[in-house]
Amino acid sequence: MSPMTLPEAEIVIEVPFHDVDLMDVVWHGHYAKYLEIARCALLDKIAYNYREMRESGFAWPVIEMKIRYPKPAHLGQRIKVRARMTEYEVRLKINYVITDAATGERLTKAHTVQVAVDMKAQEMLPGSPPILYQKLGIAP
C-alpha cells in the first residue's frame, strides 16, 4: 500500500432518537461517536484496531479533534460517515466527511489526530512505530 492508497472506510448510521435534541437535530457531542465508529471500521481494514494496538504495546490516544457543522443531521436520517487516513509517519491523522446517505449532501467535516504511546514506558513516541507501517504494507 502506498501513501496514495491509504485506507478509508465508510459506514451508514440511521440517526436514533437518543442522539437528538427537542428539534430532532443531532446533538453536537454525538458526532464524536459517529467518527469513532467510522475510525474503528477503518482500523479494522488494516487489522490494527484498539485491541491489536494494545497487544502490540502501544496506545493511540486522540489528542486533537476538529469538527465543522455546516448542516445538521436529523432524527431518522441515514448518514454516511467516510473516514480516510491522511497521515501516518509522525501521527495518525484521519479525515472524515459526513453526508446524507440518500442525496450525498455534505453535512459535517472533521479530523482527528492520534499519537503512539509506548504503554510500558508511558511515553509518547516521536513517530509511528514499525507495527503501523507493517499493517499499512509500507516499509518504514
C-alpha atoms as a PDB file:
ATOM      1  CA  MET A   1       0.000   0.000   0.000  1.00  0.00           C
ATOM      2  CA  SER A   2       1.450   3.382  -0.955  1.00  0.00           C
ATOM      3  CA  PRO A   3       0.637   6.788   0.553  1.00  0.00           C
ATOM      4  CA  MET A   4      -1.626   7.346  -2.459  1.00  0.00           C
ATOM      5  CA  THR A   5      -3.756   4.365  -1.418  1.00  0.00           C
ATOM      6  CA  LEU A   6      -4.065   4.913   2.299  1.00  0.00           C
ATOM      7  CA  PRO A   7      -7.060   3.111   3.769  1.00  0.00           C
ATOM      8  CA  GLU A   8     -10.533   4.509   4.032  1.00  0.00           C
ATOM      9  CA  ALA A   9     -13.825   3.160   5.289  1.00  0.00           C
ATOM     10  CA  GLU A  10     -17.444   4.153   5.092  1.00  0.00           C
ATOM     11  CA  ILE A  11     -20.318   3.395   7.426  1.00  0.00           C
ATOM     12  CA  VAL A  12     -24.018   4.264   7.372  1.00  0.00           C
ATOM     13  CA  ILE A  13     -25.913   5.213  10.515  1.00  0.00           C
ATOM     14  CA  GLU A  14     -29.604   5.928  10.919  1.00  0.00           C
ATOM     15  CA  VAL A  15     -29.802   8.753  13.460  1.00  0.00           C
ATOM     16  CA  PRO A  16     -31.518   7.306  16.561  1.00  0.00           C
ATOM     17  CA  PHE A  17     -33.947   9.111  18.848  1.00  0.00           C
ATOM     18  CA  HIS A  18     -31.493   9.179  21.759  1.00  0.00           C
ATOM     19  CA  ASP A  19     -28.990  11.247  19.711  1.00  0.00           C
ATOM     20  CA  VAL A  20     -31.268  14.226  19.018  1.00  0.00           C
ATOM     21  CA  ASP A  21     -32.486  17.302  20.851  1.00  0.00           C
ATOM     22  CA  LEU A  22     -36.030  18.741  21.036  1.00  0.00           C
ATOM     23  CA  MET A  23     -35.754  19.964  17.431  1.00  0.00           C
ATOM     24  CA  ASP A  24     -34.851  16.446  16.180  1.00  0.00           C
ATOM     25  CA  VAL A  25     -31.312  17.690  15.420  1.00  0.00           C
ATOM     26  CA  VAL A  26     -28.297  15.564  16.369  1.00  0.00           C
ATOM     27  CA  TRP A  27     -26.663  16.982  19.494  1.00  0.00           C
ATOM     28  CA  HIS A  28     -23.118  18.079  18.601  1.00  0.00           C
ATOM     29  CA  GLY A  29     -21.432  15.740  21.090  1.00  0.00           C
ATOM     30  CA  HIS A  30     -22.742  12.632  19.320  1.00  0.00           C
ATOM     31  CA  TYR A  31     -20.668  13.371  16.237  1.00  0.00           C
ATOM     32  CA  ALA A  32     -17.562  12.199  18.130  1.00  0.00           C
ATOM     33  CA  LYS A  33     -19.260   8.801  18.486  1.00  0.00           C
ATOM     34  CA  TYR A  34     -20.016   8.672  14.750  1.00  0.00           C
ATOM     35  CA  LEU A  35     -16.369   9.467  13.970  1.00  0.00           C
ATOM     36  CA  GLU A  36     -15.227   6.734  16.361  1.00  0.00           C
ATOM     37  CA  ILE A  37     -17.431   4.127  14.677  1.00  0.00           C
ATOM     38  CA  ALA A  38     -16.004   5.068  11.257  1.00  0.00           C
ATOM     39  CA  ARG A  39     -12.437   5.174  12.624  1.00  0.00           C
ATOM     40  CA  CYS A  40     -12.838   1.641  14.018  1.00  0.00           C
ATOM     41  CA  ALA A  41     -14.121   0.427  10.622  1.00  0.00           C
ATOM     42  CA  LEU A  42     -11.027   1.965   9.006  1.00  0.00           C
ATOM     43  CA  LEU A  43      -8.648   0.418  11.554  1.00  0.00           C
ATOM     44  CA  ASP A  44     -10.342  -2.970  11.103  1.00  0.00           C
ATOM     45  CA  LYS A  45      -9.406  -2.790   7.409  1.00  0.00           C
ATOM     46  CA  ILE A  46      -5.716  -2.854   8.342  1.00  0.00           C
ATOM     47  CA  ALA A  47      -6.206  -5.286  11.253  1.00  0.00           C
ATOM     48  CA  TYR A  48      -4.930  -2.704  13.743  1.00  0.00           C
ATOM     49  CA  ASN A  49      -7.917  -1.678  15.826  1.00  0.00           C
ATOM     50  CA  TYR A  50      -7.664  -0.870  19.525  1.00  0.00           C
ATOM     51  CA  ARG A  51      -7.266  -4.461  20.701  1.00  0.00           C
ATOM     52  CA  GLU A  52      -4.386  -5.059  18.234  1.00  0.00           C
ATOM     53  CA  MET A  53      -2.844  -1.730  19.210  1.00  0.00           C
ATOM     54  CA  ARG A  54      -2.830  -2.732  22.871  1.00  0.00           C
ATOM     55  CA  GLU A  55      -1.440  -6.198  22.059  1.00  0.00           C
ATOM     56  CA  SER A  56       1.375  -4.541  20.097  1.00  0.00           C
ATOM     57  CA  GLY A  57       2.296  -2.496  23.194  1.00  0.00           C
ATOM     58  CA  PHE A  58       1.013   0.865  22.008  1.00  0.00           C
ATOM     59  CA  ALA A  59      -1.900   3.093  22.899  1.00  0.00           C
ATOM     60  CA  TRP A  60      -3.050   5.659  20.348  1.00  0.00           C
ATOM     61  CA  PRO A  61      -4.965   8.366  22.231  1.00  0.00           C
ATOM     62  CA  VAL A  62      -6.840  11.015  20.288  1.00  0.00           C
ATOM     63  CA  ILE A  63      -5.024  14.274  21.023  1.00  0.00           C
ATOM     64  CA  GLU A  64      -6.954  16.520  18.657  1.00  0.00           C
ATOM     65  CA  MET A  65     -10.439  16.585  17.160  1.00  0.00           C
ATOM     66  CA  LYS A  66     -11.858  19.295  14.941  1.00  0.00           C
ATOM     67  CA  ILE A  67     -15.448  19.232  13.708  1.00  0.00           C
ATOM     68  CA  ARG A  68     -17.334  21.683  11.468  1.00  0.00           C
ATOM     69  CA  TYR A  69     -21.120  21.524  11.413  1.00  0.00           C
ATOM     70  CA  PRO A  70     -22.352  23.382   8.314  1.00  0.00           C
ATOM     71  CA  LYS A  71     -25.647  21.424   8.198  1.00  0.00           C
ATOM     72  CA  PRO A  72     -27.397  19.375  10.875  1.00  0.00           C
ATOM     73  CA  ALA A  73     -28.341  15.719  10.788  1.00  0.00           C
ATOM     74  CA  HIS A  74     -31.874  14.865  11.940  1.00  0.00           C
ATOM     75  CA  LEU A  75     -33.812  12.077  13.619  1.00  0.00           C
ATOM     76  CA  GLY A  76     -34.202   9.082  11.314  1.00  0.00           C
ATOM     77  CA  GLN A  77     -31.859  10.464   8.667  1.00  0.00           C
ATOM     78  CA  ARG A  78     -29.437   7.958   7.185  1.00  0.00           C
ATOM     79  CA  ILE A  79     -25.960   9.456   7.245  1.00  0.00           C
ATOM     80  CA  LYS A  80     -22.789   8.164   5.664  1.00  0.00           C
ATOM     81  CA  VAL A  81     -19.539   8.676   7.558  1.00  0.00           C
ATOM     82  CA  ARG A  82     -16.373   8.288   5.491  1.00  0.00           C
ATOM     83  CA  ALA A  83     -13.022   8.052   7.293  1.00  0.00           C
ATOM     84  CA  ARG A  84      -9.771   8.357   5.353  1.00  0.00           C
ATOM     85  CA  MET A  85      -6.256   8.077   6.775  1.00  0.00           C
ATOM     86  CA  THR A  86      -4.170  11.005   5.551  1.00  0.00           C
ATOM     87  CA  GLU A  87      -1.025  10.890   7.725  1.00  0.00           C
ATOM     88  CA  TYR A  88       0.807   8.027   9.431  1.00  0.00           C
ATOM     89  CA  GLU A  89       4.520   8.841   9.824  1.00  0.00           C
ATOM     90  CA  VAL A  90       4.607  11.059  12.916  1.00  0.00           C
ATOM     91  CA  ARG A  91       0.977  10.870  13.886  1.00  0.00           C
ATOM     92  CA  LEU A  92      -2.174   9.156  12.731  1.00  0.00           C
ATOM     93  CA  LYS A  93      -4.470  11.725  11.108  1.00  0.00           C
ATOM     94  CA  ILE A  94      -7.886  10.722   9.846  1.00  0.00           C
ATOM     95  CA  ASN A  95     -10.208  12.977   7.871  1.00  0.00           C
ATOM     96  CA  TYR A  96     -13.965  12.467   7.953  1.00  0.00           C
ATOM     97  CA  VAL A  97     -16.870  13.594   5.834  1.00  0.00           C
ATOM     98  CA  ILE A  98     -20.464  13.030   6.916  1.00  0.00           C
ATOM     99  CA  THR A  99     -23.065  13.184   4.166  1.00  0.00           C
ATOM    100  CA  ASP A 100     -26.745  12.467   3.739  1.00  0.00           C
ATOM    101  CA  ALA A 101     -26.777   8.843   2.557  1.00  0.00           C
ATOM    102  CA  ALA A 102     -29.610   9.450   0.078  1.00  0.00           C
ATOM    103  CA  THR A 103     -28.546  12.741  -1.520  1.00  0.00           C
ATOM    104  CA  GLY A 104     -24.802  12.889  -0.885  1.00  0.00           C
ATOM    105  CA  GLU A 105     -25.180  16.390   0.569  1.00  0.00           C
ATOM    106  CA  ARG A 106     -22.271  17.184   2.885  1.00  0.00           C
ATOM    107  CA  LEU A 107     -23.332  17.789   6.469  1.00  0.00           C
ATOM    108  CA  THR A 108     -20.167  17.690   8.546  1.00  0.00           C
ATOM    109  CA  LYS A 109     -16.413  17.656   8.077  1.00  0.00           C
ATOM    110  CA  ALA A 110     -13.895  16.635  10.738  1.00  0.00           C
ATOM    111  CA  HIS A 111     -10.462  15.256  11.525  1.00  0.00           C
ATOM    112  CA  THR A 112      -8.796  13.502  14.417  1.00  0.00           C
ATOM    113  CA  VAL A 113      -5.144  13.150  15.333  1.00  0.00           C
ATOM    114  CA  GLN A 114      -3.738  10.272  17.360  1.00  0.00           C
ATOM    115  CA  VAL A 115      -0.186   9.652  18.573  1.00  0.00           C
ATOM    116  CA  ALA A 116       1.552   6.454  19.590  1.00  0.00           C
ATOM    117  CA  VAL A 117       2.320   5.974  23.275  1.00  0.00           C
ATOM    118  CA  ASP A 118       4.600   3.180  24.474  1.00  0.00           C
ATOM    119  CA  MET A 119       2.403   1.540  27.096  1.00  0.00           C
ATOM    120  CA  LYS A 120       5.332   0.173  29.120  1.00  0.00           C
ATOM    121  CA  ALA A 121       7.306   3.415  29.299  1.00  0.00           C
ATOM    122  CA  GLN A 122       4.148   5.584  29.310  1.00  0.00           C
ATOM    123  CA  GLU A 123       5.885   7.891  26.837  1.00  0.00           C
ATOM    124  CA  MET A 124       4.732   9.382  23.577  1.00  0.00           C
ATOM    125  CA  LEU A 125       6.819   8.279  20.606  1.00  0.00           C
ATOM    126  CA  PRO A 126       8.375  10.851  18.250  1.00  0.00           C
ATOM    127  CA  GLY A 127       6.973   8.897  15.289  1.00  0.00           C
ATOM    128  CA  SER A 128       4.798   5.941  14.421  1.00  0.00           C
ATOM    129  CA  PRO A 129       6.125   2.524  15.467  1.00  0.00           C
ATOM    130  CA  PRO A 130       7.109  -0.082  12.832  1.00  0.00           C
ATOM    131  CA  ILE A 131       3.924  -2.100  13.508  1.00  0.00           C
ATOM    132  CA  LEU A 132       1.804   0.624  11.879  1.00  0.00           C
ATOM    133  CA  TYR A 133       3.997   0.555   8.768  1.00  0.00           C
ATOM    134  CA  GLN A 134       3.618  -3.238   8.678  1.00  0.00           C
ATOM    135  CA  LYS A 135      -0.149  -3.005   8.911  1.00  0.00           C
ATOM    136  CA  LEU A 136      -0.178  -0.466   6.086  1.00  0.00           C
ATOM    137  CA  GLY A 137       2.161  -2.585   3.970  1.00  0.00           C
ATOM    138  CA  ILE A 138       4.735   0.215   3.837  1.00  0.00           C
ATOM    139  CA  ALA A 139       8.462  -0.116   4.537  1.00  0.00           C
ATOM    140  CA  PRO A 140       9.465   2.431   7.245  1.00  0.00           C
END
